[in-house]
Amino acid sequence: MRGCRVLLVLVSLVALGCAPARSEDYPSRPVRVIVGFSAGSGPDIQARTVSQQLAKALGQSFTVENRLGANGTVAARAVATSEGDGYTLLFSSASITSTPFIYRHLGYDTLTDLRPVATVGILDGVFMLVKASSPIQSVQDFIARARTERLLYGSPGVGNGLHLTTELFAQKAGITLQHIPYKGASEVMTALLSGSIDVMFVTPPSVMGLLREGTVRALAFTGNKPFAEFPDTPLVKDVVPGFEAPLSFGMFFAQGKTPPAVVEKLNAAIRAAVAEPSVARIMQRDGYVPDNRSAGETAAFFRREVESTGELVKAIGIEAN
């Protein structure tokens, strides 16, 4: 009889140990936020800004780790294959929406192994850049040269948002450009400044300092309205009829099996963080419109973006590898 009681106690302890953590106890230990982009890039700045606010609000550290490679899929795979407990999060740009159509063997399912948590901001547009010493003075000049010369552009890999934006621009402008893929935005910028490529499209946070210094020149901005700090930069849509840049955003994800209560708690905390004036100012400075979707709205939004990106990849003619 005593042995049975001991066995029951042991079984109860094991059951308790296997039970999912209660949302009210989350987080009870440090949280990792994995970013598939280089330090100083737009997604990295957003992830760190919001993570610092989450640490203050939730009383645990939210440590950002940069894991580069394969257009953000190395970082996404690390989260998709992690424990579904909310202690390993992914922060990604909209480039994650193209990966199911670019890579045949991701090692995870974007729509089931990753769970959208919260969208922190929507990016209105990106800059079309040349180095300051480039003879190309305008979008019209660039298009004219591309019809007679071989012009090169770079992006952080195949199928990312900047790659798709450039290809869509070329398609609508009726020109052909040669793509040179790099591992990260910093490498693309190095290539531009060295003259290895002629042009790049880039998110505002990655290039604000260089624009202010005059190291690079913005030929145009892909947004629907002028960029606040550089209002005289022309809009691509005013020069290239039919051009509409793919939507970009910053979004937190958890592993697909993370309990809904934990996802809801994270969503509420992230929405509160983005509403903080100090965070909102950084987001708006970098061209992002702070977002306030619920967890359910975020999931529906993400699914729609994956579907629309798949259509764009097909229209542009990029084949999966």
Protein backbone atom coordinates (compact mmCIF):
# COMPACT_ATOMS: atom_id res chain seq x y z
CA MET A 1 0.00 0.00 0.00
CA ARG A 2 2.81 2.38 0.89
CA GLY A 3 4.49 1.60 -2.42
CA CYS A 4 1.29 2.53 -4.27
CA ARG A 5 1.11 5.87 -2.44
CA VAL A 6 4.73 6.62 -3.34
CA LEU A 7 4.02 5.72 -6.96
CA LEU A 8 0.99 8.03 -7.04
CA VAL A 9 3.06 10.89 -5.63
CA LEU A 10 5.76 10.33 -8.26
CA VAL A 11 3.21 10.20 -11.06
CA SER A 12 1.66 13.45 -9.79
CA LEU A 13 5.05 15.17 -9.68
CA VAL A 14 5.86 14.05 -13.23
CA ALA A 15 2.47 15.29 -14.41
CA LEU A 16 3.08 18.64 -12.81
CA GLY A 17 6.52 18.83 -14.39
CA CYS A 18 5.05 18.12 -17.83
CA ALA A 19 2.16 20.56 -17.49
CA PRO A 20 2.48 23.72 -19.57
CA ALA A 21 3.44 26.86 -17.72
CA ARG A 22 0.49 29.04 -16.75
CA SER A 23 0.23 32.29 -18.69
CA GLU A 24 0.14 34.27 -15.45
CA ASP A 25 3.58 32.86 -14.58
CA TYR A 26 5.03 33.70 -18.00
CA PRO A 27 7.81 34.68 -18.33
CA SER A 28 9.52 33.07 -15.34
CA ARG A 29 12.95 33.02 -16.98
CA PRO A 30 14.84 34.93 -19.72
CA VAL A 31 13.41 34.96 -23.24
CA ARG A 32 15.48 34.75 -26.43
CA VAL A 33 14.48 36.81 -29.47
CA ILE A 34 16.16 35.51 -32.62
CA VAL A 35 16.60 37.88 -35.57
CA GLY A 36 17.72 36.65 -38.99
CA PHE A 37 19.29 39.95 -39.97
CA SER A 38 22.51 41.74 -39.12
CA ALA A 39 22.99 44.09 -36.18
CA GLY A 40 21.96 47.62 -37.08
CA SER A 41 19.49 46.54 -39.74
CA GLY A 42 15.87 47.65 -39.63
CA PRO A 43 14.53 44.40 -38.12
CA ASP A 44 17.36 44.32 -35.58
CA ILE A 45 16.64 47.87 -34.41
CA GLN A 46 12.93 47.13 -34.05
CA ALA A 47 13.54 43.86 -32.22
CA ARG A 48 15.93 45.45 -29.73
CA THR A 49 13.76 48.52 -29.16
CA VAL A 50 10.62 46.51 -28.41
CA SER A 51 12.52 43.80 -26.47
CA GLN A 52 13.96 46.39 -24.09
CA GLN A 53 10.46 47.62 -23.34
CA LEU A 54 9.18 44.05 -22.87
CA ALA A 55 11.92 43.37 -20.35
CA LYS A 56 10.82 46.40 -18.30
CA ALA A 57 7.16 45.46 -18.46
CA LEU A 58 7.44 41.70 -17.83
CA GLY A 59 10.38 41.61 -15.44
CA GLN A 60 12.58 39.22 -17.44
CA SER A 61 15.36 39.82 -19.93
CA PHE A 62 14.51 39.58 -23.63
CA THR A 63 17.89 38.92 -25.26
CA VAL A 64 18.25 39.50 -29.00
CA GLU A 65 20.41 37.05 -30.97
CA ASN A 66 21.37 37.64 -34.61
CA ARG A 67 21.47 34.44 -36.67
CA LEU A 68 22.19 35.19 -40.29
CA GLY A 69 21.79 32.92 -43.27
CA ALA A 70 19.49 31.83 -46.10
CA ASN A 71 17.31 34.93 -46.12
CA GLY A 72 16.30 34.61 -42.48
CA THR A 73 15.41 30.92 -42.65
CA VAL A 74 18.23 29.91 -40.29
CA ALA A 75 16.66 32.07 -37.57
CA ALA A 76 13.13 30.95 -38.42
CA ARG A 77 14.11 27.28 -38.31
CA ALA A 78 15.68 27.74 -34.87
CA VAL A 79 12.36 29.00 -33.53
CA ALA A 80 10.15 26.61 -35.51
CA THR A 81 12.02 23.62 -34.05
CA SER A 82 12.25 24.99 -30.49
CA GLU A 83 10.03 24.14 -27.53
CA GLY A 84 6.56 25.62 -27.84
CA ASP A 85 6.75 27.49 -24.56
CA GLY A 86 7.20 31.13 -25.57
CA TYR A 87 10.81 31.38 -24.41
CA THR A 88 12.27 31.40 -27.93
CA LEU A 89 10.76 34.05 -30.20
CA LEU A 90 11.44 35.12 -33.76
CA PHE A 91 11.43 38.69 -35.01
CA SER A 92 11.23 38.95 -38.77
CA SER A 93 10.55 41.35 -41.59
CA ALA A 94 8.08 40.59 -44.38
CA SER A 95 10.79 38.59 -46.17
CA ILE A 96 9.54 35.56 -44.23
CA THR A 97 6.41 35.54 -46.41
CA SER A 98 8.38 34.59 -49.52
CA THR A 99 10.45 31.73 -48.12
CA PRO A 100 7.83 28.99 -48.69
CA PHE A 101 7.96 29.83 -52.40
CA ILE A 102 11.73 30.29 -52.67
CA TYR A 103 13.07 27.24 -50.81
CA ARG A 104 11.87 23.69 -51.47
CA HIS A 105 13.25 22.28 -48.22
CA LEU A 106 12.84 24.76 -45.38
CA GLY A 107 12.77 22.16 -42.64
CA TYR A 108 9.61 23.71 -41.19
CA ASP A 109 6.15 24.87 -42.26
CA THR A 110 5.86 28.66 -42.15
CA LEU A 111 2.13 28.63 -41.44
CA THR A 112 2.00 25.86 -38.83
CA ASP A 113 5.41 25.68 -37.12
CA LEU A 114 5.50 29.43 -36.49
CA ARG A 115 2.74 31.30 -34.70
CA PRO A 116 2.32 35.03 -35.40
CA VAL A 117 2.21 36.97 -32.12
CA ALA A 118 2.14 40.68 -32.91
CA THR A 119 2.94 43.12 -35.70
CA VAL A 120 4.92 46.04 -34.32
CA GLY A 121 4.88 48.26 -37.38
CA ILE A 122 4.11 48.57 -41.07
CA LEU A 123 6.81 50.12 -43.27
CA ASP A 124 5.51 52.63 -45.79
CA GLY A 125 8.41 52.26 -48.19
CA VAL A 126 12.12 51.79 -48.88
CA PHE A 127 14.79 53.92 -50.52
CA MET A 128 16.28 53.36 -53.97
CA LEU A 129 19.95 54.24 -53.48
CA VAL A 130 23.10 54.91 -55.43
CA LYS A 131 26.42 56.01 -53.99
CA ALA A 132 26.98 59.75 -53.86
CA SER A 133 29.57 59.74 -56.66
CA SER A 134 27.32 57.80 -59.06
CA PRO A 135 26.62 59.55 -62.37
CA ILE A 136 23.00 58.38 -62.12
CA GLN A 137 20.97 61.38 -61.00
CA SER A 138 17.34 60.24 -61.14
CA VAL A 139 15.02 57.29 -61.60
CA GLN A 140 14.45 58.37 -65.20
CA ASP A 141 18.23 58.46 -65.76
CA PHE A 142 18.58 55.01 -64.17
CA ILE A 143 15.91 53.50 -66.41
CA ALA A 144 17.46 55.05 -69.53
CA ARG A 145 20.89 53.67 -68.65
CA ALA A 146 19.48 50.23 -67.88
CA ARG A 147 18.17 50.02 -71.42
CA THR A 148 21.65 50.43 -72.86
CA GLU A 149 23.97 49.19 -70.08
CA ARG A 150 24.18 46.17 -67.79
CA LEU A 151 23.30 47.48 -64.34
CA LEU A 152 23.74 45.41 -61.17
CA TYR A 153 21.81 45.48 -57.92
CA GLY A 154 22.24 43.65 -54.64
CA SER A 155 19.92 42.37 -51.94
CA PRO A 156 20.28 40.25 -48.77
CA GLY A 157 19.59 36.93 -50.56
CA VAL A 158 17.10 35.48 -53.03
CA GLY A 159 13.40 36.11 -52.51
CA ASN A 160 13.62 38.66 -49.70
CA GLY A 161 11.41 41.72 -49.76
CA LEU A 162 14.10 43.97 -51.21
CA HIS A 163 14.80 41.47 -54.00
CA LEU A 164 11.08 41.29 -54.85
CA THR A 165 10.73 45.07 -54.72
CA THR A 166 13.63 45.57 -57.15
CA GLU A 167 12.38 42.93 -59.55
CA LEU A 168 8.89 44.43 -59.48
CA PHE A 169 10.40 47.86 -60.17
CA ALA A 170 12.36 46.47 -63.14
CA GLN A 171 9.29 44.69 -64.48
CA LYS A 172 7.09 47.79 -64.30
CA ALA A 173 9.87 49.98 -65.74
CA GLY A 174 10.41 47.59 -68.65
CA ILE A 175 14.09 46.99 -67.92
CA THR A 176 16.34 44.08 -66.96
CA LEU A 177 18.71 44.22 -63.99
CA GLN A 178 21.24 41.65 -62.81
CA HIS A 179 20.80 40.49 -59.23
CA ILE A 180 23.77 39.85 -56.92
CA PRO A 181 22.65 38.17 -53.66
CA TYR A 182 24.54 38.83 -50.42
CA LYS A 183 24.28 37.48 -46.88
CA GLY A 184 23.07 40.71 -45.30
CA ALA A 185 22.18 44.35 -45.89
CA SER A 186 25.56 45.54 -44.63
CA GLU A 187 27.33 43.50 -47.31
CA VAL A 188 25.03 44.98 -49.96
CA MET A 189 25.87 48.48 -48.76
CA THR A 190 29.60 47.68 -48.86
CA ALA A 191 29.18 46.49 -52.44
CA LEU A 192 27.33 49.67 -53.39
CA LEU A 193 29.96 51.95 -51.87
CA SER A 194 32.79 50.01 -53.53
CA GLY A 195 31.13 50.19 -56.93
CA SER A 196 30.51 46.43 -57.21
CA ILE A 197 26.81 47.13 -57.76
CA ASP A 198 25.00 50.13 -59.17
CA VAL A 199 21.89 50.37 -57.04
CA MET A 200 20.13 48.90 -54.02
CA PHE A 201 16.74 49.17 -52.40
CA VAL A 202 17.01 49.41 -48.61
CA THR A 203 14.89 50.04 -45.52
CA PRO A 204 15.26 53.52 -43.97
CA PRO A 205 16.75 52.47 -40.59
CA SER A 206 19.74 50.86 -42.28
CA VAL A 207 20.76 53.95 -44.18
CA MET A 208 19.62 57.09 -42.35
CA GLY A 209 23.11 57.99 -41.15
CA LEU A 210 24.66 57.60 -44.61
CA LEU A 211 21.91 59.71 -46.19
CA ARG A 212 22.47 62.49 -43.68
CA GLU A 213 26.23 62.36 -44.29
CA GLY A 214 25.76 62.44 -48.07
CA THR A 215 27.64 59.16 -48.57
CA VAL A 216 24.72 57.80 -50.59
CA ARG A 217 21.96 59.45 -52.61
CA ALA A 218 18.31 58.45 -52.65
CA LEU A 219 16.93 58.42 -56.18
CA ALA A 220 13.45 57.65 -54.93
CA PHE A 221 11.23 56.30 -52.15
CA THR A 222 8.77 53.47 -52.78
CA GLY A 223 6.11 54.62 -50.31
CA ASN A 224 2.73 56.16 -50.96
CA LYS A 225 3.83 59.47 -49.49
CA PRO A 226 7.21 61.24 -49.13
CA PHE A 227 9.52 60.13 -46.34
CA ALA A 228 9.25 62.67 -43.52
CA GLU A 229 12.96 63.46 -43.10
CA PHE A 230 13.66 63.58 -46.85
CA PRO A 231 10.42 65.01 -48.30
CA ASP A 232 12.06 66.07 -51.57
CA THR A 233 12.95 62.50 -52.54
CA PRO A 234 10.68 61.54 -55.47
CA LEU A 235 8.23 58.66 -55.20
CA VAL A 236 8.80 55.69 -57.50
CA LYS A 237 5.07 55.39 -58.20
CA ASP A 238 5.10 58.91 -59.69
CA VAL A 239 7.77 57.89 -62.19
CA VAL A 240 6.95 54.24 -62.90
CA PRO A 241 3.24 53.70 -63.69
CA GLY A 242 1.68 50.70 -61.97
CA PHE A 243 4.43 50.28 -59.41
CA GLU A 244 3.26 49.45 -55.90
CA ALA A 245 5.87 48.20 -53.46
CA PRO A 246 5.19 44.97 -51.55
CA LEU A 247 4.08 45.60 -47.97
CA SER A 248 6.80 45.32 -45.35
CA PHE A 249 6.46 44.92 -41.62
CA GLY A 250 8.13 43.82 -38.40
CA MET A 251 6.52 40.87 -36.61
CA PHE A 252 7.09 38.65 -33.59
CA PHE A 253 6.52 34.90 -33.87
CA ALA A 254 6.48 32.05 -31.37
CA GLN A 255 6.83 28.33 -32.02
CA GLY A 256 3.63 26.94 -33.51
CA LYS A 257 2.59 24.94 -30.43
CA THR A 258 2.96 27.81 -27.98
CA PRO A 259 -0.15 27.94 -25.73
CA PRO A 260 -2.71 30.53 -26.88
CA ALA A 261 -2.73 32.15 -23.43
CA VAL A 262 1.01 32.84 -23.66
CA VAL A 263 0.60 34.23 -27.19
CA GLU A 264 -2.20 36.51 -25.98
CA LYS A 265 -0.08 37.74 -23.07
CA LEU A 266 2.85 38.47 -25.39
CA ASN A 267 0.57 40.20 -27.88
CA ALA A 268 -0.81 42.49 -25.17
CA ALA A 269 2.68 43.27 -23.87
CA ILE A 270 4.04 44.01 -27.36
CA ARG A 271 1.09 46.26 -28.20
CA ALA A 272 1.67 48.16 -24.97
CA ALA A 273 5.40 48.42 -25.73
CA VAL A 274 4.77 49.85 -29.21
CA ALA A 275 2.37 52.40 -27.71
CA GLU A 276 5.10 53.76 -25.42
CA PRO A 277 6.06 57.22 -26.77
CA SER A 278 9.80 56.45 -26.73
CA VAL A 279 9.27 53.29 -28.79
CA ALA A 280 6.72 54.87 -31.13
CA ARG A 281 9.14 57.73 -31.88
CA ILE A 282 11.86 55.31 -32.98
CA MET A 283 9.41 53.37 -35.14
CA GLN A 284 8.04 56.48 -36.79
CA ARG A 285 11.52 57.97 -37.27
CA ASP A 286 12.45 54.90 -39.28
CA GLY A 287 9.36 55.04 -41.45
CA TYR A 288 7.18 52.50 -39.63
CA VAL A 289 3.57 53.07 -38.67
CA PRO A 290 3.07 51.44 -35.23
CA ASP A 291 0.57 48.58 -35.37
CA ASN A 292 -2.05 47.46 -32.86
CA ARG A 293 -3.53 44.15 -34.09
CA SER A 294 -4.73 41.44 -31.76
CA ALA A 295 -3.12 37.99 -31.93
CA GLY A 296 -5.99 36.70 -34.07
CA GLU A 297 -5.84 39.68 -36.41
CA THR A 298 -2.07 39.29 -36.68
CA ALA A 299 -2.42 35.62 -37.69
CA ALA A 300 -5.04 36.44 -40.34
CA PHE A 301 -2.94 39.34 -41.65
CA PHE A 302 0.15 37.13 -41.91
CA ARG A 303 -1.69 34.39 -43.82
CA ARG A 304 -2.97 36.95 -46.33
CA GLU A 305 0.54 38.37 -46.79
CA VAL A 306 1.99 34.89 -47.42
CA GLU A 307 -0.65 34.25 -50.06
CA SER A 308 -0.14 37.60 -51.82
CA THR A 309 3.65 37.20 -51.75
CA GLY A 310 3.31 33.78 -53.35
CA GLU A 311 1.37 35.39 -56.18
CA LEU A 312 4.07 38.06 -56.57
CA VAL A 313 6.90 35.50 -56.64
CA LYS A 314 5.05 33.62 -59.36
CA ALA A 315 4.35 36.78 -61.37
CA ILE A 316 8.00 37.85 -61.24
CA GLY A 317 9.13 34.37 -62.26
CA ILE A 318 11.41 33.43 -59.36
CA GLU A 319 11.76 29.65 -59.16
CA ALA A 320 12.14 27.70 -55.93
CA ASN A 321 15.50 26.07 -55.29
